[in-house]
N, C-alpha and C. Protein backbone atom coordinates (compact mmCIF):
# COMPACT_ATOMS: atom_id res chain seq x y z
N MET A 1 -8.91 9.16 -41.63
CA MET A 1 -7.57 9.43 -41.11
C MET A 1 -7.14 8.32 -40.20
N ASN A 2 -5.94 7.73 -40.26
CA ASN A 2 -5.50 6.67 -39.51
C ASN A 2 -5.03 7.22 -38.17
N LYS A 3 -5.31 6.49 -37.16
CA LYS A 3 -4.84 6.88 -35.82
C LYS A 3 -3.35 6.53 -35.71
N LYS A 4 -2.70 7.34 -34.86
CA LYS A 4 -1.34 7.03 -34.52
C LYS A 4 -1.07 7.19 -33.05
N PRO A 5 -0.14 6.48 -32.57
CA PRO A 5 0.10 6.54 -31.03
C PRO A 5 0.79 7.86 -30.60
N ALA A 6 0.69 8.14 -29.38
CA ALA A 6 1.25 9.31 -28.81
C ALA A 6 2.37 8.94 -27.68
N VAL A 7 3.38 9.79 -27.53
CA VAL A 7 4.18 9.86 -26.43
C VAL A 7 3.80 10.93 -25.49
N PHE A 8 3.12 10.71 -24.42
CA PHE A 8 2.76 11.71 -23.50
C PHE A 8 3.98 12.02 -22.63
N LEU A 9 4.44 13.26 -22.61
CA LEU A 9 5.57 13.66 -21.86
C LEU A 9 5.24 14.62 -20.74
N ASP A 10 5.77 14.38 -19.48
CA ASP A 10 5.69 15.36 -18.47
C ASP A 10 6.74 16.48 -18.86
N ARG A 11 6.61 17.65 -18.37
CA ARG A 11 7.54 18.73 -18.74
C ARG A 11 8.74 18.73 -17.91
N ASP A 12 8.53 19.11 -16.60
CA ASP A 12 9.73 19.20 -15.72
C ASP A 12 10.30 17.93 -15.27
N GLY A 13 11.67 17.89 -15.63
CA GLY A 13 12.36 16.55 -15.36
C GLY A 13 12.44 15.70 -16.48
N VAL A 14 11.71 15.94 -17.50
CA VAL A 14 11.68 15.16 -18.78
C VAL A 14 12.19 15.94 -19.87
N LEU A 15 11.54 17.06 -20.13
CA LEU A 15 11.97 17.96 -21.16
C LEU A 15 12.80 19.11 -20.73
N THR A 16 12.60 19.56 -19.50
CA THR A 16 13.27 20.64 -18.92
C THR A 16 13.91 20.30 -17.61
N VAL A 17 14.82 21.04 -17.12
CA VAL A 17 15.51 20.87 -15.84
C VAL A 17 14.54 21.20 -14.81
N GLU A 18 14.38 20.34 -13.82
CA GLU A 18 13.53 20.57 -12.68
C GLU A 18 14.08 21.65 -11.87
N LYS A 19 13.29 22.72 -11.70
CA LYS A 19 13.65 23.93 -10.87
C LYS A 19 12.62 24.39 -10.00
N GLY A 20 11.69 23.62 -9.76
CA GLY A 20 10.51 24.12 -8.93
C GLY A 20 9.57 24.94 -9.79
N TYR A 21 8.96 25.94 -9.17
CA TYR A 21 8.05 26.76 -9.85
C TYR A 21 8.86 27.81 -10.61
N ILE A 22 8.65 27.71 -12.00
CA ILE A 22 9.35 28.67 -12.90
C ILE A 22 8.29 29.28 -13.72
N CYS A 23 8.53 30.45 -14.20
CA CYS A 23 7.68 30.90 -15.25
C CYS A 23 8.31 31.75 -16.31
N PRO A 24 9.09 32.67 -15.98
CA PRO A 24 9.64 33.52 -17.13
C PRO A 24 10.36 32.58 -18.05
N ILE A 25 10.26 32.79 -19.38
CA ILE A 25 10.89 31.95 -20.35
C ILE A 25 12.44 31.86 -20.13
N CYS A 26 13.01 32.92 -19.50
CA CYS A 26 14.39 32.81 -19.27
C CYS A 26 14.80 31.80 -18.20
N GLU A 27 13.87 31.42 -17.34
CA GLU A 27 14.10 30.51 -16.34
C GLU A 27 13.92 29.03 -16.81
N ILE A 28 13.29 28.75 -17.85
CA ILE A 28 13.11 27.44 -18.26
C ILE A 28 14.26 26.89 -19.04
N GLU A 29 14.81 25.76 -18.66
CA GLU A 29 16.06 25.21 -19.24
C GLU A 29 15.75 23.94 -19.92
N ILE A 30 15.59 23.88 -21.21
CA ILE A 30 15.31 22.68 -21.98
C ILE A 30 16.59 21.86 -22.15
N PHE A 31 16.51 20.52 -21.78
CA PHE A 31 17.64 19.68 -21.98
C PHE A 31 18.09 19.82 -23.41
N PRO A 32 19.50 19.78 -23.67
CA PRO A 32 19.98 20.06 -25.11
C PRO A 32 19.53 18.95 -26.10
N TYR A 33 19.19 17.76 -25.75
CA TYR A 33 18.95 16.65 -26.54
C TYR A 33 17.42 16.57 -26.93
N VAL A 34 16.61 17.35 -26.27
CA VAL A 34 15.13 17.23 -26.38
C VAL A 34 14.57 17.40 -27.86
N LYS A 35 15.10 18.45 -28.52
CA LYS A 35 14.51 18.73 -29.83
C LYS A 35 14.77 17.56 -30.76
N GLU A 36 16.03 16.91 -30.67
CA GLU A 36 16.38 15.77 -31.53
C GLU A 36 15.50 14.56 -31.05
N CYS A 37 15.26 14.33 -29.86
CA CYS A 37 14.39 13.30 -29.43
C CYS A 37 13.01 13.42 -29.96
N ILE A 38 12.46 14.63 -29.91
CA ILE A 38 11.10 14.90 -30.42
C ILE A 38 11.04 14.57 -31.89
N LYS A 39 12.09 14.99 -32.62
CA LYS A 39 12.14 14.67 -34.09
C LYS A 39 12.14 13.17 -34.34
N GLU A 40 12.79 12.39 -33.45
CA GLU A 40 12.86 10.94 -33.51
C GLU A 40 11.49 10.35 -33.23
N ILE A 41 10.81 10.87 -32.18
CA ILE A 41 9.45 10.39 -31.92
C ILE A 41 8.60 10.64 -33.13
N HIS A 42 8.68 11.77 -33.69
CA HIS A 42 7.85 12.07 -34.94
C HIS A 42 8.23 11.17 -36.07
N ARG A 43 9.50 10.92 -36.26
CA ARG A 43 9.98 9.98 -37.33
C ARG A 43 9.42 8.57 -37.21
N LYS A 44 9.15 8.15 -35.93
CA LYS A 44 8.60 6.93 -35.60
C LYS A 44 7.10 6.94 -35.70
N ASN A 45 6.52 8.04 -36.14
CA ASN A 45 5.03 8.15 -36.33
C ASN A 45 4.27 8.23 -34.93
N TYR A 46 4.88 8.87 -34.09
CA TYR A 46 4.13 9.17 -32.81
C TYR A 46 3.83 10.65 -32.67
N PHE A 47 2.71 10.97 -31.97
CA PHE A 47 2.54 12.42 -31.58
C PHE A 47 3.44 12.52 -30.40
N ALA A 48 3.96 13.71 -30.17
CA ALA A 48 4.65 14.07 -28.99
C ALA A 48 3.94 15.17 -28.22
N ILE A 49 3.32 14.84 -27.15
CA ILE A 49 2.31 15.69 -26.39
C ILE A 49 2.72 15.82 -24.96
N VAL A 50 2.86 17.08 -24.53
CA VAL A 50 3.22 17.35 -23.15
C VAL A 50 1.94 17.40 -22.31
N ILE A 51 1.95 16.71 -21.18
CA ILE A 51 0.87 16.93 -20.23
C ILE A 51 1.53 17.20 -18.88
N THR A 52 1.20 18.33 -18.20
CA THR A 52 1.94 18.80 -17.11
C THR A 52 0.99 19.50 -16.06
N ASN A 53 1.22 19.16 -14.80
CA ASN A 53 0.56 19.87 -13.66
C ASN A 53 1.39 21.11 -13.47
N GLN A 54 0.61 22.26 -13.42
CA GLN A 54 1.20 23.58 -13.18
C GLN A 54 0.44 24.28 -12.08
N SER A 55 0.58 23.76 -10.95
CA SER A 55 -0.23 24.27 -9.78
C SER A 55 0.35 25.72 -9.36
N GLY A 56 1.43 26.11 -9.92
CA GLY A 56 1.88 27.48 -9.59
C GLY A 56 0.82 28.53 -10.01
N VAL A 57 -0.06 28.27 -10.84
CA VAL A 57 -1.13 29.18 -11.20
C VAL A 57 -2.06 29.30 -10.05
N ALA A 58 -2.56 28.19 -9.52
CA ALA A 58 -3.46 28.15 -8.44
C ALA A 58 -2.76 28.67 -7.14
N ARG A 59 -1.53 28.55 -7.07
CA ARG A 59 -0.77 29.01 -5.88
C ARG A 59 -0.40 30.37 -5.96
N GLY A 60 -0.69 31.10 -7.17
CA GLY A 60 -0.34 32.53 -7.32
C GLY A 60 1.04 32.76 -7.48
N VAL A 61 1.90 31.82 -7.90
CA VAL A 61 3.31 32.02 -8.25
C VAL A 61 3.45 32.69 -9.63
N PHE A 62 2.59 32.33 -10.53
CA PHE A 62 2.56 32.94 -11.91
C PHE A 62 1.07 32.89 -12.42
N THR A 63 0.90 33.62 -13.46
CA THR A 63 -0.47 33.77 -13.97
C THR A 63 -0.55 32.71 -15.11
N GLU A 64 -1.80 32.34 -15.49
CA GLU A 64 -2.03 31.43 -16.57
C GLU A 64 -1.57 31.98 -17.88
N GLU A 65 -1.68 33.30 -18.02
CA GLU A 65 -1.18 34.05 -19.24
C GLU A 65 0.35 33.83 -19.37
N GLN A 66 1.09 33.98 -18.22
CA GLN A 66 2.55 33.72 -18.21
C GLN A 66 2.88 32.25 -18.58
N LEU A 67 2.10 31.39 -18.09
CA LEU A 67 2.26 29.91 -18.42
C LEU A 67 2.07 29.67 -19.84
N LEU A 68 1.06 30.39 -20.48
CA LEU A 68 0.85 30.12 -21.94
C LEU A 68 1.95 30.61 -22.71
N ILE A 69 2.68 31.68 -22.29
CA ILE A 69 3.79 32.07 -23.00
C ILE A 69 4.97 31.08 -22.97
N VAL A 70 5.11 30.44 -21.78
CA VAL A 70 6.14 29.40 -21.64
C VAL A 70 5.75 28.22 -22.51
N ASN A 71 4.49 27.86 -22.46
CA ASN A 71 4.03 26.73 -23.33
C ASN A 71 4.31 27.01 -24.78
N GLU A 72 4.02 28.18 -25.35
CA GLU A 72 4.21 28.50 -26.73
C GLU A 72 5.66 28.38 -27.02
N ASN A 73 6.56 28.91 -26.13
CA ASN A 73 8.02 28.83 -26.33
C ASN A 73 8.45 27.32 -26.37
N LEU A 74 7.87 26.47 -25.42
CA LEU A 74 8.25 25.10 -25.34
C LEU A 74 7.91 24.43 -26.70
N ILE A 75 6.74 24.69 -27.28
CA ILE A 75 6.36 24.16 -28.57
C ILE A 75 7.30 24.66 -29.68
N LYS A 76 7.69 25.86 -29.67
CA LYS A 76 8.58 26.44 -30.75
C LYS A 76 9.87 25.83 -30.59
N GLU A 77 10.44 25.70 -29.40
CA GLU A 77 11.84 25.26 -29.19
C GLU A 77 12.06 23.74 -29.25
N THR A 78 10.98 22.96 -28.97
CA THR A 78 11.11 21.52 -29.01
C THR A 78 10.30 20.78 -30.19
N GLU A 79 9.30 21.55 -30.73
CA GLU A 79 8.52 20.97 -31.76
C GLU A 79 7.60 19.90 -31.33
N VAL A 80 7.21 19.92 -29.96
CA VAL A 80 6.15 19.02 -29.61
C VAL A 80 4.90 19.40 -30.24
N ASP A 81 3.96 18.44 -30.33
CA ASP A 81 2.66 18.73 -31.03
C ASP A 81 1.69 19.66 -30.25
N ALA A 82 1.72 19.55 -28.92
CA ALA A 82 0.86 20.29 -28.13
C ALA A 82 1.29 20.17 -26.63
N VAL A 83 0.91 21.18 -25.87
CA VAL A 83 1.00 21.18 -24.42
C VAL A 83 -0.30 21.32 -23.70
N TYR A 84 -0.66 20.37 -22.94
CA TYR A 84 -1.89 20.41 -22.10
C TYR A 84 -1.41 20.50 -20.53
N TYR A 85 -2.04 21.43 -19.96
CA TYR A 85 -1.66 21.74 -18.51
C TYR A 85 -2.82 21.77 -17.66
N CYS A 86 -2.61 21.45 -16.40
CA CYS A 86 -3.53 21.63 -15.25
C CYS A 86 -3.13 22.67 -14.35
N PRO A 87 -3.86 23.81 -14.28
CA PRO A 87 -3.52 24.91 -13.39
C PRO A 87 -4.03 24.83 -12.00
N HIS A 88 -4.73 23.76 -11.69
CA HIS A 88 -5.50 23.65 -10.49
C HIS A 88 -4.64 23.12 -9.31
N PHE A 89 -5.10 23.43 -8.09
CA PHE A 89 -4.61 22.90 -6.90
C PHE A 89 -5.64 23.18 -5.71
N VAL A 90 -6.18 22.24 -5.18
CA VAL A 90 -7.27 22.30 -4.22
C VAL A 90 -6.97 23.37 -3.15
N TYR A 91 -5.68 23.36 -2.74
CA TYR A 91 -5.26 24.27 -1.59
C TYR A 91 -4.65 25.55 -2.06
N GLY A 92 -4.91 25.96 -3.32
CA GLY A 92 -4.21 27.17 -3.89
C GLY A 92 -4.78 28.43 -3.22
N LYS A 93 -4.14 29.55 -3.70
CA LYS A 93 -4.48 30.86 -3.22
C LYS A 93 -5.41 31.65 -4.14
N VAL A 94 -5.46 31.17 -5.41
CA VAL A 94 -6.30 31.84 -6.38
C VAL A 94 -7.58 31.06 -6.45
N ALA A 95 -8.64 31.57 -6.02
CA ALA A 95 -9.95 30.93 -5.95
C ALA A 95 -10.40 30.19 -7.22
N ARG A 96 -10.24 30.90 -8.30
CA ARG A 96 -10.77 30.35 -9.51
C ARG A 96 -9.98 29.06 -9.88
N TYR A 97 -8.76 28.87 -9.47
CA TYR A 97 -8.02 27.61 -9.78
C TYR A 97 -7.95 26.65 -8.52
N SER A 98 -8.52 27.03 -7.52
CA SER A 98 -8.36 26.20 -6.32
C SER A 98 -9.62 25.31 -6.17
N ILE A 99 -9.53 24.26 -7.12
CA ILE A 99 -10.65 23.36 -7.21
C ILE A 99 -10.10 21.83 -7.37
N ARG A 100 -10.95 20.96 -7.11
CA ARG A 100 -10.65 19.57 -7.46
C ARG A 100 -11.12 19.35 -8.83
N CYS A 101 -10.33 18.76 -9.67
CA CYS A 101 -10.56 18.56 -11.12
C CYS A 101 -10.22 17.21 -11.54
N ASN A 102 -10.38 16.96 -12.78
CA ASN A 102 -10.13 15.59 -13.33
C ASN A 102 -8.80 15.71 -14.23
N CYS A 103 -8.31 16.89 -14.34
CA CYS A 103 -7.11 17.09 -15.24
C CYS A 103 -5.79 17.03 -14.49
N ARG A 104 -5.84 17.09 -13.20
CA ARG A 104 -4.58 17.07 -12.38
C ARG A 104 -4.02 15.54 -12.36
N LYS A 105 -2.85 15.35 -12.94
CA LYS A 105 -2.29 14.02 -12.78
C LYS A 105 -2.21 13.59 -11.25
N PRO A 106 -2.52 12.41 -10.97
CA PRO A 106 -2.68 11.20 -11.82
C PRO A 106 -3.95 10.90 -12.50
N ASP A 107 -4.95 11.91 -12.34
CA ASP A 107 -6.18 11.76 -13.23
C ASP A 107 -5.81 11.85 -14.68
N ILE A 108 -6.74 11.47 -15.56
CA ILE A 108 -6.43 11.41 -17.04
C ILE A 108 -7.04 12.46 -17.91
N GLY A 109 -7.56 13.51 -17.23
CA GLY A 109 -8.26 14.55 -18.02
C GLY A 109 -7.41 15.10 -19.17
N LEU A 110 -6.11 15.42 -18.92
CA LEU A 110 -5.22 15.93 -19.86
C LEU A 110 -5.09 14.98 -21.08
N ILE A 111 -4.91 13.73 -20.79
CA ILE A 111 -4.84 12.70 -21.89
C ILE A 111 -6.19 12.71 -22.65
N GLU A 112 -7.34 12.66 -21.94
CA GLU A 112 -8.58 12.67 -22.61
C GLU A 112 -8.68 13.93 -23.48
N ASN A 113 -8.31 15.16 -22.94
CA ASN A 113 -8.27 16.31 -23.87
C ASN A 113 -7.50 16.13 -25.10
N ALA A 114 -6.34 15.61 -24.94
CA ALA A 114 -5.44 15.37 -26.12
C ALA A 114 -6.13 14.43 -27.14
N CYS A 115 -6.77 13.46 -26.57
CA CYS A 115 -7.47 12.39 -27.40
C CYS A 115 -8.62 13.01 -28.21
N ASN A 116 -9.25 14.12 -27.54
CA ASN A 116 -10.36 14.77 -28.27
C ASN A 116 -9.81 15.64 -29.37
N ASP A 117 -8.54 16.07 -29.22
CA ASP A 117 -7.90 16.95 -30.37
C ASP A 117 -7.15 16.23 -31.40
N PHE A 118 -6.56 15.08 -30.99
CA PHE A 118 -5.75 14.31 -31.92
C PHE A 118 -6.42 12.81 -32.06
N ASP A 119 -6.08 12.23 -33.20
CA ASP A 119 -6.59 10.87 -33.41
C ASP A 119 -5.57 9.83 -32.98
N ILE A 120 -5.64 9.57 -31.67
CA ILE A 120 -4.55 8.78 -31.00
C ILE A 120 -5.00 7.30 -30.79
N ASP A 121 -3.98 6.55 -31.12
CA ASP A 121 -4.09 5.04 -30.92
C ASP A 121 -3.59 4.85 -29.48
N MET A 122 -4.42 4.76 -28.53
CA MET A 122 -3.92 4.59 -27.11
C MET A 122 -3.34 3.24 -26.92
N SER A 123 -3.55 2.20 -27.64
CA SER A 123 -3.08 0.89 -27.40
C SER A 123 -1.57 0.81 -27.63
N GLN A 124 -0.98 1.81 -28.38
CA GLN A 124 0.39 1.84 -28.63
C GLN A 124 1.10 2.97 -28.00
N SER A 125 0.43 3.75 -27.20
CA SER A 125 0.88 5.03 -26.61
C SER A 125 1.66 4.83 -25.37
N TYR A 126 2.49 5.80 -24.93
CA TYR A 126 3.39 5.78 -23.76
C TYR A 126 3.08 7.03 -22.94
N MET A 127 3.28 6.93 -21.64
CA MET A 127 3.38 8.02 -20.67
C MET A 127 4.83 8.02 -20.13
N VAL A 128 5.53 9.19 -20.31
CA VAL A 128 6.83 9.28 -19.92
C VAL A 128 7.01 10.43 -18.86
N GLY A 129 7.44 10.07 -17.68
CA GLY A 129 7.52 11.06 -16.60
C GLY A 129 8.67 10.69 -15.62
N ASP A 130 8.85 11.52 -14.57
CA ASP A 130 9.86 11.33 -13.59
C ASP A 130 9.40 11.26 -12.20
N GLN A 131 7.99 11.18 -12.10
CA GLN A 131 7.47 11.00 -10.76
C GLN A 131 6.34 10.01 -10.69
N GLU A 132 6.06 9.54 -9.49
CA GLU A 132 4.99 8.57 -9.39
C GLU A 132 3.63 8.98 -9.96
N SER A 133 3.24 10.19 -9.81
CA SER A 133 1.99 10.59 -10.35
C SER A 133 1.99 10.42 -11.92
N ASP A 134 3.13 10.55 -12.58
CA ASP A 134 3.12 10.35 -14.08
C ASP A 134 2.94 8.91 -14.49
N ILE A 135 3.57 8.06 -13.61
CA ILE A 135 3.35 6.58 -13.83
C ILE A 135 1.96 6.15 -13.60
N ILE A 136 1.33 6.61 -12.42
CA ILE A 136 0.05 6.24 -12.20
C ILE A 136 -0.91 6.86 -13.24
N THR A 137 -0.66 7.93 -13.79
CA THR A 137 -1.40 8.56 -14.89
C THR A 137 -1.48 7.59 -16.09
N GLY A 138 -0.26 7.10 -16.40
CA GLY A 138 -0.20 6.14 -17.46
C GLY A 138 -0.99 4.87 -17.18
N ILE A 139 -0.81 4.40 -16.02
CA ILE A 139 -1.54 3.16 -15.58
C ILE A 139 -3.07 3.41 -15.63
N ASN A 140 -3.46 4.55 -15.23
CA ASN A 140 -4.92 4.84 -15.20
C ASN A 140 -5.43 5.04 -16.72
N ALA A 141 -4.52 5.47 -17.57
CA ALA A 141 -5.05 5.62 -19.02
C ALA A 141 -4.83 4.22 -19.70
N GLY A 142 -4.28 3.28 -19.09
CA GLY A 142 -4.10 1.97 -19.71
C GLY A 142 -3.07 1.94 -20.85
N ILE A 143 -1.97 2.79 -20.67
CA ILE A 143 -0.85 2.78 -21.57
C ILE A 143 0.41 2.45 -20.92
N LYS A 144 1.47 2.12 -21.76
CA LYS A 144 2.76 1.77 -21.25
C LYS A 144 3.41 3.00 -20.60
N THR A 145 4.13 2.78 -19.53
CA THR A 145 4.71 3.74 -18.71
C THR A 145 6.19 3.64 -18.75
N VAL A 146 6.86 4.86 -18.66
CA VAL A 146 8.30 5.01 -18.69
C VAL A 146 8.64 6.01 -17.60
N LEU A 147 9.43 5.54 -16.65
CA LEU A 147 9.99 6.47 -15.58
C LEU A 147 11.39 6.88 -15.98
N LEU A 148 11.57 8.09 -15.97
CA LEU A 148 13.01 8.59 -16.23
C LEU A 148 13.61 8.99 -14.92
N GLU A 149 14.79 8.54 -14.71
CA GLU A 149 15.60 8.85 -13.50
C GLU A 149 16.18 10.23 -13.58
N SER A 150 15.47 11.17 -12.83
CA SER A 150 15.89 12.52 -12.91
C SER A 150 16.20 12.94 -11.38
N VAL A 151 15.71 14.10 -11.06
CA VAL A 151 15.85 14.50 -9.63
C VAL A 151 15.24 13.51 -8.68
N TYR A 152 14.07 12.87 -9.10
CA TYR A 152 13.35 11.96 -8.29
C TYR A 152 13.86 10.58 -8.68
N LYS A 153 13.95 9.78 -7.74
CA LYS A 153 14.57 8.45 -7.95
C LYS A 153 13.54 7.35 -7.73
N THR A 154 13.72 6.15 -8.34
CA THR A 154 12.72 5.18 -8.29
C THR A 154 12.50 4.74 -6.81
N GLU A 155 13.36 5.02 -5.98
CA GLU A 155 13.14 4.67 -4.61
C GLU A 155 12.01 5.48 -4.02
N LEU A 156 11.63 6.53 -4.61
CA LEU A 156 10.55 7.39 -4.15
C LEU A 156 9.17 6.81 -4.49
N LEU A 157 9.17 5.88 -5.51
CA LEU A 157 7.87 5.26 -5.97
C LEU A 157 7.31 4.38 -4.79
N ASN A 158 6.04 4.39 -4.73
CA ASN A 158 5.31 3.47 -3.84
C ASN A 158 5.70 2.08 -4.21
N LYS A 159 5.91 1.21 -3.29
CA LYS A 159 6.29 -0.20 -3.70
C LYS A 159 5.28 -0.89 -4.59
N LYS A 160 4.04 -0.44 -4.62
CA LYS A 160 3.00 -1.00 -5.45
C LYS A 160 2.95 -0.37 -6.80
N THR A 161 3.76 0.64 -7.03
CA THR A 161 3.76 1.33 -8.32
C THR A 161 5.00 0.97 -8.99
N SER A 162 4.98 0.43 -10.24
CA SER A 162 6.09 0.16 -11.07
C SER A 162 5.74 0.53 -12.54
N ALA A 163 6.87 1.11 -13.17
CA ALA A 163 6.74 1.58 -14.53
C ALA A 163 7.09 0.33 -15.40
N ASP A 164 6.69 0.43 -16.71
CA ASP A 164 7.03 -0.73 -17.60
C ASP A 164 8.50 -0.59 -17.93
N TYR A 165 9.05 0.64 -18.00
CA TYR A 165 10.48 0.92 -18.25
C TYR A 165 11.01 1.91 -17.36
N VAL A 166 12.32 1.76 -16.91
CA VAL A 166 12.96 2.73 -16.10
C VAL A 166 14.20 3.14 -17.02
N LEU A 167 14.32 4.37 -17.41
CA LEU A 167 15.44 4.87 -18.25
C LEU A 167 16.14 6.01 -17.71
N LYS A 168 17.30 6.27 -18.21
CA LYS A 168 18.08 7.44 -17.70
C LYS A 168 17.47 8.70 -18.05
N ASP A 169 17.16 8.91 -19.38
CA ASP A 169 16.58 10.12 -19.83
C ASP A 169 15.88 9.93 -21.22
N LEU A 170 15.38 10.94 -21.76
CA LEU A 170 14.57 10.79 -22.94
C LEU A 170 15.26 10.13 -24.19
N ARG A 171 16.51 10.27 -24.17
CA ARG A 171 17.30 9.71 -25.32
C ARG A 171 17.13 8.19 -25.45
N GLU A 172 17.04 7.54 -24.22
CA GLU A 172 16.85 6.10 -24.17
C GLU A 172 15.51 5.59 -24.66
N LEU A 173 14.63 6.50 -24.69
CA LEU A 173 13.16 6.15 -25.06
C LEU A 173 13.14 5.72 -26.56
N ILE A 174 13.92 6.46 -27.33
CA ILE A 174 13.87 6.27 -28.81
C ILE A 174 14.11 4.75 -29.13
N GLY A 175 14.97 4.11 -28.33
CA GLY A 175 15.23 2.69 -28.66
C GLY A 175 14.10 1.71 -28.30
N ILE A 176 13.04 2.15 -27.50
CA ILE A 176 12.02 1.20 -27.21
C ILE A 176 10.71 1.51 -27.86
N ILE A 177 10.55 2.68 -28.43
CA ILE A 177 9.32 2.93 -29.17
C ILE A 177 9.35 2.48 -30.58
């Protein structure tokens, strides 16, 4: 089987409106253009894989089971190939999830998990996010990085952190991959 590249996508601020800690499906608001963008990513022969920190589980805001329902709905509504998430947060309230891990961005455990499940050509892959931790994740994984200007602005990036591309939203990504 031939490898193909992936577009790794953060969830909040990239695919969905940034609303803080959300869980019920009714609270998640997918940008109206996302499904067509995912179709274009697939047409260009890339995997579309979500990698997202979801510390609300460790913080006790919602359960992992509730998060799985949201993830299933996200896959159904957007047609992404998979959703990988980190439920951990060192200072959380739920002991089981209050650990230091290698899957919380900017570590690359979620990308490594995706590479174990999919035959990914990392040399042609992208990390797309709206925060510095997303960009650092891409840098740590050795892939191209795309910062989307959403709620968080490029001014919030550390002066030593820079993305390969800075775009308005996911629609502009299609022109560069």
